[in-house]
PDB file of N, CA and C in Angstrom:
ATOM      1  N   MET A   1      21.949  -4.889 -83.005  1.00  0.00           N
ATOM      2  CA  MET A   1      21.007  -5.146 -81.918  1.00  0.00           C
ATOM      3  C   MET A   1      20.785  -3.860 -81.133  1.00  0.00           C
ATOM      4  N   ASN A   2      19.538  -3.485 -80.963  1.00  0.00           N
ATOM      5  CA  ASN A   2      19.202  -2.253 -80.260  1.00  0.00           C
ATOM      6  C   ASN A   2      19.219  -2.469 -78.758  1.00  0.00           C
ATOM      7  N   SER A   3      19.664  -1.462 -78.017  1.00  0.00           N
ATOM      8  CA  SER A   3      19.596  -1.551 -76.563  1.00  0.00           C
ATOM      9  C   SER A   3      18.162  -1.279 -76.132  1.00  0.00           C
ATOM     10  N   PRO A   4      17.730  -1.929 -75.052  1.00  0.00           N
ATOM     11  CA  PRO A   4      16.336  -1.750 -74.620  1.00  0.00           C
ATOM     12  C   PRO A   4      16.068  -0.332 -74.147  1.00  0.00           C
ATOM     13  N   THR A   5      14.892   0.149 -74.448  1.00  0.00           N
ATOM     14  CA  THR A   5      14.448   1.447 -73.956  1.00  0.00           C
ATOM     15  C   THR A   5      13.741   1.206 -72.634  1.00  0.00           C
ATOM     16  N   PRO A   6      13.503   2.251 -71.853  1.00  0.00           N
ATOM     17  CA  PRO A   6      12.815   2.066 -70.570  1.00  0.00           C
ATOM     18  C   PRO A   6      11.499   1.310 -70.689  1.00  0.00           C
ATOM     19  N   SER A   7      10.746   1.552 -71.755  1.00  0.00           N
ATOM     20  CA  SER A   7       9.461   0.870 -71.890  1.00  0.00           C
ATOM     21  C   SER A   7       9.643  -0.598 -72.251  1.00  0.00           C
ATOM     22  N   GLN A   8      10.794  -0.974 -72.852  1.00  0.00           N
ATOM     23  CA  GLN A   8      11.044  -2.363 -73.192  1.00  0.00           C
ATOM     24  C   GLN A   8      11.647  -3.126 -72.031  1.00  0.00           C
ATOM     25  N   ASP A   9      12.303  -2.446 -71.092  1.00  0.00           N
ATOM     26  CA  ASP A   9      12.966  -3.089 -69.968  1.00  0.00           C
ATOM     27  C   ASP A   9      12.531  -2.431 -68.664  1.00  0.00           C
ATOM     28  N   PRO A  10      11.246  -2.622 -68.285  1.00  0.00           N
ATOM     29  CA  PRO A  10      10.743  -1.935 -67.093  1.00  0.00           C
ATOM     30  C   PRO A  10      11.257  -2.501 -65.783  1.00  0.00           C
ATOM     31  N   GLY A  11      12.026  -3.590 -65.805  1.00  0.00           N
ATOM     32  CA  GLY A  11      12.515  -4.171 -64.578  1.00  0.00           C
ATOM     33  C   GLY A  11      13.746  -3.480 -64.023  1.00  0.00           C
ATOM     34  N   SER A  12      14.352  -2.617 -64.798  1.00  0.00           N
ATOM     35  CA  SER A  12      15.553  -1.944 -64.329  1.00  0.00           C
ATOM     36  C   SER A  12      15.209  -0.970 -63.219  1.00  0.00           C
ATOM     37  N   SER A  13      16.059  -0.924 -62.205  1.00  0.00           N
ATOM     38  CA  SER A  13      15.759  -0.138 -61.016  1.00  0.00           C
ATOM     39  C   SER A  13      15.809   1.368 -61.250  1.00  0.00           C
ATOM     40  N   ARG A  14      16.396   1.823 -62.312  1.00  0.00           N
ATOM     41  CA  ARG A  14      16.537   3.257 -62.536  1.00  0.00           C
ATOM     42  C   ARG A  14      15.440   3.825 -63.434  1.00  0.00           C
ATOM     43  N   TYR A  15      14.467   3.042 -63.783  1.00  0.00           N
ATOM     44  CA  TYR A  15      13.416   3.519 -64.671  1.00  0.00           C
ATOM     45  C   TYR A  15      12.183   3.963 -63.888  1.00  0.00           C
ATOM     46  N   LEU A  16      11.514   4.939 -64.436  1.00  0.00           N
ATOM     47  CA  LEU A  16      10.237   5.389 -63.899  1.00  0.00           C
ATOM     48  C   LEU A  16       9.146   4.944 -64.852  1.00  0.00           C
ATOM     49  N   LEU A  17       8.078   4.438 -64.294  1.00  0.00           N
ATOM     50  CA  LEU A  17       6.972   3.940 -65.098  1.00  0.00           C
ATOM     51  C   LEU A  17       5.750   4.824 -64.927  1.00  0.00           C
ATOM     52  N   ARG A  18       4.980   4.952 -66.005  1.00  0.00           N
ATOM     53  CA  ARG A  18       3.705   5.653 -65.928  1.00  0.00           C
ATOM     54  C   ARG A  18       2.696   4.734 -65.248  1.00  0.00           C
ATOM     55  N   ILE A  19       1.656   5.316 -64.717  1.00  0.00           N
ATOM     56  CA  ILE A  19       0.611   4.554 -64.018  1.00  0.00           C
ATOM     57  C   ILE A  19       0.050   3.432 -64.906  1.00  0.00           C
ATOM     58  N   PRO A  20      -0.275   3.693 -66.180  1.00  0.00           N
ATOM     59  CA  PRO A  20      -0.790   2.601 -67.022  1.00  0.00           C
ATOM     60  C   PRO A  20       0.223   1.466 -67.214  1.00  0.00           C
ATOM     61  N   GLU A  21       1.517   1.791 -67.222  1.00  0.00           N
ATOM     62  CA  GLU A  21       2.543   0.759 -67.348  1.00  0.00           C
ATOM     63  C   GLU A  21       2.597  -0.118 -66.096  1.00  0.00           C
ATOM     64  N   VAL A  22       2.452   0.505 -64.938  1.00  0.00           N
ATOM     65  CA  VAL A  22       2.431  -0.238 -63.678  1.00  0.00           C
ATOM     66  C   VAL A  22       1.187  -1.130 -63.649  1.00  0.00           C
ATOM     67  N   ALA A  23       0.059  -0.570 -64.060  1.00  0.00           N
ATOM     68  CA  ALA A  23      -1.183  -1.346 -64.091  1.00  0.00           C
ATOM     69  C   ALA A  23      -1.037  -2.560 -65.008  1.00  0.00           C
ATOM     70  N   LYS A  24      -0.403  -2.380 -66.127  1.00  0.00           N
ATOM     71  CA  LYS A  24      -0.201  -3.484 -67.070  1.00  0.00           C
ATOM     72  C   LYS A  24       0.702  -4.555 -66.460  1.00  0.00           C
ATOM     73  N   ARG A  25       1.765  -4.146 -65.776  1.00  0.00           N
ATOM     74  CA  ARG A  25       2.676  -5.117 -65.149  1.00  0.00           C
ATOM     75  C   ARG A  25       1.986  -5.912 -64.062  1.00  0.00           C
ATOM     76  N   LEU A  26       1.107  -5.264 -63.300  1.00  0.00           N
ATOM     77  CA  LEU A  26       0.398  -5.944 -62.216  1.00  0.00           C
ATOM     78  C   LEU A  26      -0.895  -6.591 -62.693  1.00  0.00           C
ATOM     79  N   ARG A  27      -1.248  -6.343 -63.949  1.00  0.00           N
ATOM     80  CA  ARG A  27      -2.479  -6.862 -64.553  1.00  0.00           C
ATOM     81  C   ARG A  27      -3.731  -6.428 -63.777  1.00  0.00           C
ATOM     82  N   VAL A  28      -3.763  -5.139 -63.483  1.00  0.00           N
ATOM     83  CA  VAL A  28      -4.918  -4.531 -62.831  1.00  0.00           C
ATOM     84  C   VAL A  28      -5.229  -3.230 -63.564  1.00  0.00           C
ATOM     85  N   GLY A  29      -6.296  -2.578 -63.190  1.00  0.00           N
ATOM     86  CA  GLY A  29      -6.658  -1.312 -63.802  1.00  0.00           C
ATOM     87  C   GLY A  29      -5.940  -0.132 -63.152  1.00  0.00           C
ATOM     88  N   ARG A  30      -5.974   0.999 -63.838  1.00  0.00           N
ATOM     89  CA  ARG A  30      -5.351   2.220 -63.304  1.00  0.00           C
ATOM     90  C   ARG A  30      -5.958   2.617 -61.963  1.00  0.00           C
ATOM     91  N   THR A  31      -7.271   2.469 -61.851  1.00  0.00           N
ATOM     92  CA  THR A  31      -7.947   2.833 -60.617  1.00  0.00           C
ATOM     93  C   THR A  31      -7.397   2.018 -59.444  1.00  0.00           C
ATOM     94  N   THR A  32      -7.076   0.757 -59.685  1.00  0.00           N
ATOM     95  CA  THR A  32      -6.512  -0.092 -58.634  1.00  0.00           C
ATOM     96  C   THR A  32      -5.145   0.424 -58.206  1.00  0.00           C
ATOM     97  N   ILE A  33      -4.346   0.905 -59.146  1.00  0.00           N
ATOM     98  CA  ILE A  33      -3.030   1.458 -58.808  1.00  0.00           C
ATOM     99  C   ILE A  33      -3.202   2.678 -57.908  1.00  0.00           C
ATOM    100  N   TYR A  34      -4.115   3.562 -58.274  1.00  0.00           N
ATOM    101  CA  TYR A  34      -4.367   4.740 -57.439  1.00  0.00           C
ATOM    102  C   TYR A  34      -4.861   4.328 -56.055  1.00  0.00           C
ATOM    103  N   ALA A  35      -5.711   3.299 -55.987  1.00  0.00           N
ATOM    104  CA  ALA A  35      -6.203   2.817 -54.693  1.00  0.00           C
ATOM    105  C   ALA A  35      -5.061   2.229 -53.867  1.00  0.00           C
ATOM    106  N   LEU A  36      -4.177   1.473 -54.503  1.00  0.00           N
ATOM    107  CA  LEU A  36      -3.019   0.914 -53.804  1.00  0.00           C
ATOM    108  C   LEU A  36      -2.145   2.028 -53.230  1.00  0.00           C
ATOM    109  N   LEU A  37      -1.945   3.079 -54.002  1.00  0.00           N
ATOM    110  CA  LEU A  37      -1.144   4.209 -53.527  1.00  0.00           C
ATOM    111  C   LEU A  37      -1.820   4.872 -52.325  1.00  0.00           C
ATOM    112  N   GLN A  38      -3.149   5.019 -52.372  1.00  0.00           N
ATOM    113  CA  GLN A  38      -3.892   5.618 -51.257  1.00  0.00           C
ATOM    114  C   GLN A  38      -3.824   4.746 -50.008  1.00  0.00           C
ATOM    115  N   GLN A  39      -3.760   3.416 -50.207  1.00  0.00           N
ATOM    116  CA  GLN A  39      -3.721   2.473 -49.088  1.00  0.00           C
ATOM    117  C   GLN A  39      -2.314   2.304 -48.526  1.00  0.00           C
ATOM    118  N   GLY A  40      -1.338   2.948 -49.150  1.00  0.00           N
ATOM    119  CA  GLY A  40       0.020   2.875 -48.630  1.00  0.00           C
ATOM    120  C   GLY A  40       0.862   1.747 -49.182  1.00  0.00           C
ATOM    121  N   ALA A  41       0.500   1.213 -50.343  1.00  0.00           N
ATOM    122  CA  ALA A  41       1.325   0.166 -50.960  1.00  0.00           C
ATOM    123  C   ALA A  41       2.739   0.720 -51.155  1.00  0.00           C
ATOM    124  N   PRO A  42       3.748  -0.140 -51.031  1.00  0.00           N
ATOM    125  CA  PRO A  42       5.133   0.340 -51.114  1.00  0.00           C
ATOM    126  C   PRO A  42       5.601   0.637 -52.540  1.00  0.00           C
ATOM    127  N   LEU A  43       4.786   1.363 -53.265  1.00  0.00           N
ATOM    128  CA  LEU A  43       5.153   1.810 -54.609  1.00  0.00           C
ATOM    129  C   LEU A  43       5.665   3.240 -54.476  1.00  0.00           C
ATOM    130  N   ARG A  44       6.932   3.454 -54.842  1.00  0.00           N
ATOM    131  CA  ARG A  44       7.535   4.780 -54.677  1.00  0.00           C
ATOM    132  C   ARG A  44       7.094   5.702 -55.811  1.00  0.00           C
ATOM    133  N   LEU A  45       6.302   6.692 -55.419  1.00  0.00           N
ATOM    134  CA  LEU A  45       5.732   7.650 -56.352  1.00  0.00           C
ATOM    135  C   LEU A  45       6.643   8.859 -56.486  1.00  0.00           C
ATOM    136  N   VAL A  46       6.878   9.267 -57.736  1.00  0.00           N
ATOM    137  CA  VAL A  46       7.716  10.425 -58.035  1.00  0.00           C
ATOM    138  C   VAL A  46       6.893  11.369 -58.898  1.00  0.00           C
ATOM    139  N   HIS A  47       6.949  12.651 -58.597  1.00  0.00           N
ATOM    140  CA  HIS A  47       6.263  13.643 -59.429  1.00  0.00           C
ATOM    141  C   HIS A  47       7.293  14.418 -60.227  1.00  0.00           C
ATOM    142  N   ILE A  48       7.038  14.523 -61.517  1.00  0.00           N
ATOM    143  CA  ILE A  48       7.845  15.351 -62.405  1.00  0.00           C
ATOM    144  C   ILE A  48       6.864  16.367 -62.977  1.00  0.00           C
ATOM    145  N   GLY A  49       6.898  17.553 -62.418  1.00  0.00           N
ATOM    146  CA  GLY A  49       5.854  18.519 -62.764  1.00  0.00           C
ATOM    147  C   GLY A  49       4.528  17.968 -62.269  1.00  0.00           C
ATOM    148  N   ARG A  50       3.568  17.884 -63.167  1.00  0.00           N
ATOM    149  CA  ARG A  50       2.260  17.324 -62.806  1.00  0.00           C
ATOM    150  C   ARG A  50       2.182  15.828 -63.086  1.00  0.00           C
ATOM    151  N   ALA A  51       3.204  15.287 -63.726  1.00  0.00           N
ATOM    152  CA  ALA A  51       3.199  13.872 -64.098  1.00  0.00           C
ATOM    153  C   ALA A  51       3.590  12.997 -62.906  1.00  0.00           C
ATOM    154  N   ALA A  52       2.856  11.923 -62.720  1.00  0.00           N
ATOM    155  CA  ALA A  52       3.149  10.952 -61.658  1.00  0.00           C
ATOM    156  C   ALA A  52       3.839   9.749 -62.278  1.00  0.00           C
ATOM    157  N   ARG A  53       4.934   9.330 -61.665  1.00  0.00           N
ATOM    158  CA  ARG A  53       5.675   8.157 -62.108  1.00  0.00           C
ATOM    159  C   ARG A  53       5.959   7.291 -60.899  1.00  0.00           C
ATOM    160  N   ILE A  54       6.148   5.998 -61.138  1.00  0.00           N
ATOM    161  CA  ILE A  54       6.474   5.061 -60.073  1.00  0.00           C
ATOM    162  C   ILE A  54       7.793   4.387 -60.428  1.00  0.00           C
ATOM    163  N   GLU A  55       8.684   4.299 -59.437  1.00  0.00           N
ATOM    164  CA  GLU A  55       9.969   3.661 -59.656  1.00  0.00           C
ATOM    165  C   GLU A  55       9.758   2.187 -59.983  1.00  0.00           C
ATOM    166  N   ALA A  56      10.366   1.720 -61.070  1.00  0.00           N
ATOM    167  CA  ALA A  56      10.215   0.336 -61.511  1.00  0.00           C
ATOM    168  C   ALA A  56      10.683  -0.636 -60.443  1.00  0.00           C
ATOM    169  N   SER A  57      11.756  -0.287 -59.725  1.00  0.00           N
ATOM    170  CA  SER A  57      12.265  -1.192 -58.698  1.00  0.00           C
ATOM    171  C   SER A  57      11.240  -1.405 -57.591  1.00  0.00           C
ATOM    172  N   SER A  58      10.440  -0.381 -57.286  1.00  0.00           N
ATOM    173  CA  SER A  58       9.435  -0.541 -56.230  1.00  0.00           C
ATOM    174  C   SER A  58       8.302  -1.459 -56.695  1.00  0.00           C
ATOM    175  N   VAL A  59       8.031  -1.480 -57.996  1.00  0.00           N
ATOM    176  CA  VAL A  59       7.026  -2.403 -58.533  1.00  0.00           C
ATOM    177  C   VAL A  59       7.534  -3.836 -58.388  1.00  0.00           C
ATOM    178  N   ASP A  60       8.809  -4.051 -58.734  1.00  0.00           N
ATOM    179  CA  ASP A  60       9.404  -5.384 -58.588  1.00  0.00           C
ATOM    180  C   ASP A  60       9.385  -5.836 -57.133  1.00  0.00           C
ATOM    181  N   GLU A  61       9.726  -4.923 -56.216  1.00  0.00           N
ATOM    182  CA  GLU A  61       9.720  -5.250 -54.792  1.00  0.00           C
ATOM    183  C   GLU A  61       8.308  -5.587 -54.311  1.00  0.00           C
ATOM    184  N   TYR A  62       7.325  -4.859 -54.806  1.00  0.00           N
ATOM    185  CA  TYR A  62       5.933  -5.109 -54.428  1.00  0.00           C
ATOM    186  C   TYR A  62       5.481  -6.483 -54.923  1.00  0.00           C
ATOM    187  N   ILE A  63       5.866  -6.848 -56.142  1.00  0.00           N
ATOM    188  CA  ILE A  63       5.528  -8.162 -56.687  1.00  0.00           C
ATOM    189  C   ILE A  63       6.159  -9.249 -55.822  1.00  0.00           C
ATOM    190  N   GLU A  64       7.417  -9.067 -55.436  1.00  0.00           N
ATOM    191  CA  GLU A  64       8.090 -10.036 -54.563  1.00  0.00           C
ATOM    192  C   GLU A  64       7.361 -10.157 -53.232  1.00  0.00           C
ATOM    193  N   GLN A  65       6.955  -9.019 -52.685  1.00  0.00           N
ATOM    194  CA  GLN A  65       6.228  -9.019 -51.412  1.00  0.00           C
ATOM    195  C   GLN A  65       4.921  -9.793 -51.549  1.00  0.00           C
ATOM    196  N   LEU A  66       4.203  -9.586 -52.640  1.00  0.00           N
ATOM    197  CA  LEU A  66       2.950 -10.295 -52.866  1.00  0.00           C
ATOM    198  C   LEU A  66       3.187 -11.792 -53.021  1.00  0.00           C
ATOM    199  N   ALA A  67       4.297 -12.161 -53.636  1.00  0.00           N
ATOM    200  CA  ALA A  67       4.610 -13.569 -53.861  1.00  0.00           C
ATOM    201  C   ALA A  67       4.889 -14.304 -52.557  1.00  0.00           C
ATOM    202  N   HIS A  68       5.251 -13.574 -51.507  1.00  0.00           N
ATOM    203  CA  HIS A  68       5.584 -14.194 -50.238  1.00  0.00           C
ATOM    204  C   HIS A  68       4.456 -14.129 -49.213  1.00  0.00           C
ATOM    205  N   ILE A  69       3.280 -13.690 -49.622  1.00  0.00           N
ATOM    206  CA  ILE A  69       2.132 -13.657 -48.713  1.00  0.00           C
ATOM    207  C   ILE A  69       1.616 -15.076 -48.557  1.00  0.00           C
ATOM    208  N   HIS A  70       1.408 -15.502 -47.312  1.00  0.00           N
ATOM    209  CA  HIS A  70       0.916 -16.842 -47.028  1.00  0.00           C
ATOM    210  C   HIS A  70      -0.563 -16.951 -47.384  1.00  0.00           C
ATOM    211  N   PRO A  71      -0.995 -18.128 -47.805  1.00  0.00           N
ATOM    212  CA  PRO A  71      -2.409 -18.292 -48.197  1.00  0.00           C
ATOM    213  C   PRO A  71      -3.389 -17.916 -47.086  1.00  0.00           C
ATOM    214  N   GLU A  72      -2.987 -18.095 -45.821  1.00  0.00           N
ATOM    215  CA  GLU A  72      -3.912 -17.749 -44.736  1.00  0.00           C
ATOM    216  C   GLU A  72      -3.990 -16.246 -44.497  1.00  0.00           C
ATOM    217  N   ASP A  73      -3.097 -15.473 -45.133  1.00  0.00           N
ATOM    218  CA  ASP A  73      -3.167 -14.019 -45.020  1.00  0.00           C
ATOM    219  C   ASP A  73      -4.299 -13.505 -45.896  1.00  0.00           C
ATOM    220  N   ASP A  74      -5.041 -12.575 -45.363  1.00  0.00           N
ATOM    221  CA  ASP A  74      -6.141 -11.965 -46.105  1.00  0.00           C
ATOM    222  C   ASP A  74      -5.579 -10.926 -47.070  1.00  0.00           C
ATOM    223  N   GLN A  75      -6.356 -10.506 -48.044  1.00  0.00           N
ATOM    224  CA  GLN A  75      -5.933  -9.486 -49.002  1.00  0.00           C
ATOM    225  C   GLN A  75      -5.597  -8.168 -48.334  1.00  0.00           C
ATOM    226  N   ASP A  76      -6.202  -7.897 -47.187  1.00  0.00           N
ATOM    227  CA  ASP A  76      -5.946  -6.628 -46.512  1.00  0.00           C
ATOM    228  C   ASP A  76      -4.734  -6.703 -45.592  1.00  0.00           C
ATOM    229  N   GLY A  77      -4.026  -7.853 -45.618  1.00  0.00           N
ATOM    230  CA  GLY A  77      -2.811  -7.974 -44.838  1.00  0.00           C
ATOM    231  C   GLY A  77      -2.994  -8.526 -43.441  1.00  0.00           C
ATOM    232  N   HIS A  78      -4.227  -8.828 -43.065  1.00  0.00           N
ATOM    233  CA  HIS A  78      -4.482  -9.376 -41.745  1.00  0.00           C
ATOM    234  C   HIS A  78      -4.286 -10.885 -41.757  1.00  0.00           C
ATOM    235  N   VAL A  79      -3.635 -11.397 -40.741  1.00  0.00           N
ATOM    236  CA  VAL A  79      -3.437 -12.830 -40.604  1.00  0.00           C
ATOM    237  C   VAL A  79      -4.587 -13.391 -39.783  1.00  0.00           C
ATOM    238  N   HIS A  80      -5.207 -14.435 -40.323  1.00  0.00           N
ATOM    239  CA  HIS A  80      -6.317 -15.058 -39.625  1.00  0.00           C
ATOM    240  C   HIS A  80      -5.826 -16.325 -38.933  1.00  0.00           C
ATOM    241  N   PRO A  81      -6.265 -16.574 -37.703  1.00  0.00           N
ATOM    242  CA  PRO A  81      -5.830 -17.771 -36.988  1.00  0.00           C
ATOM    243  C   PRO A  81      -6.282 -19.046 -37.680  1.00  0.00           C
ATOM    244  N   ALA A  82      -5.468 -20.085 -37.572  1.00  0.00           N
ATOM    245  CA  ALA A  82      -5.832 -21.373 -38.183  1.00  0.00           C
ATOM    246  C   ALA A  82      -7.029 -21.965 -37.433  1.00  0.00           C
ATOM    247  N   ALA A  83      -7.878 -22.639 -38.182  1.00  0.00           N
ATOM    248  CA  ALA A  83      -9.084 -23.222 -37.566  1.00  0.00           C
ATOM    249  C   ALA A  83      -8.784 -24.517 -36.890  1.00  0.00           C
TER     250      ALA A  83
END
């Protein structure tokens, strides 16, 4: 039995993911990942030379954060008063 490689086990906290891998995990496009980074999403970006990588643990944390957003919260994070 082979041990998982970083690309097979992206949930491990010590792995760095490429932008397309993060996009695939979140089921969005690469452009959306770059926009999220510009908007201050809590995705920890690491540069290795010119290469950009995102810590896998920060992707997991971001998914958890999204899972706990209340339905009355807007996509931009603003809470709207109940009618």
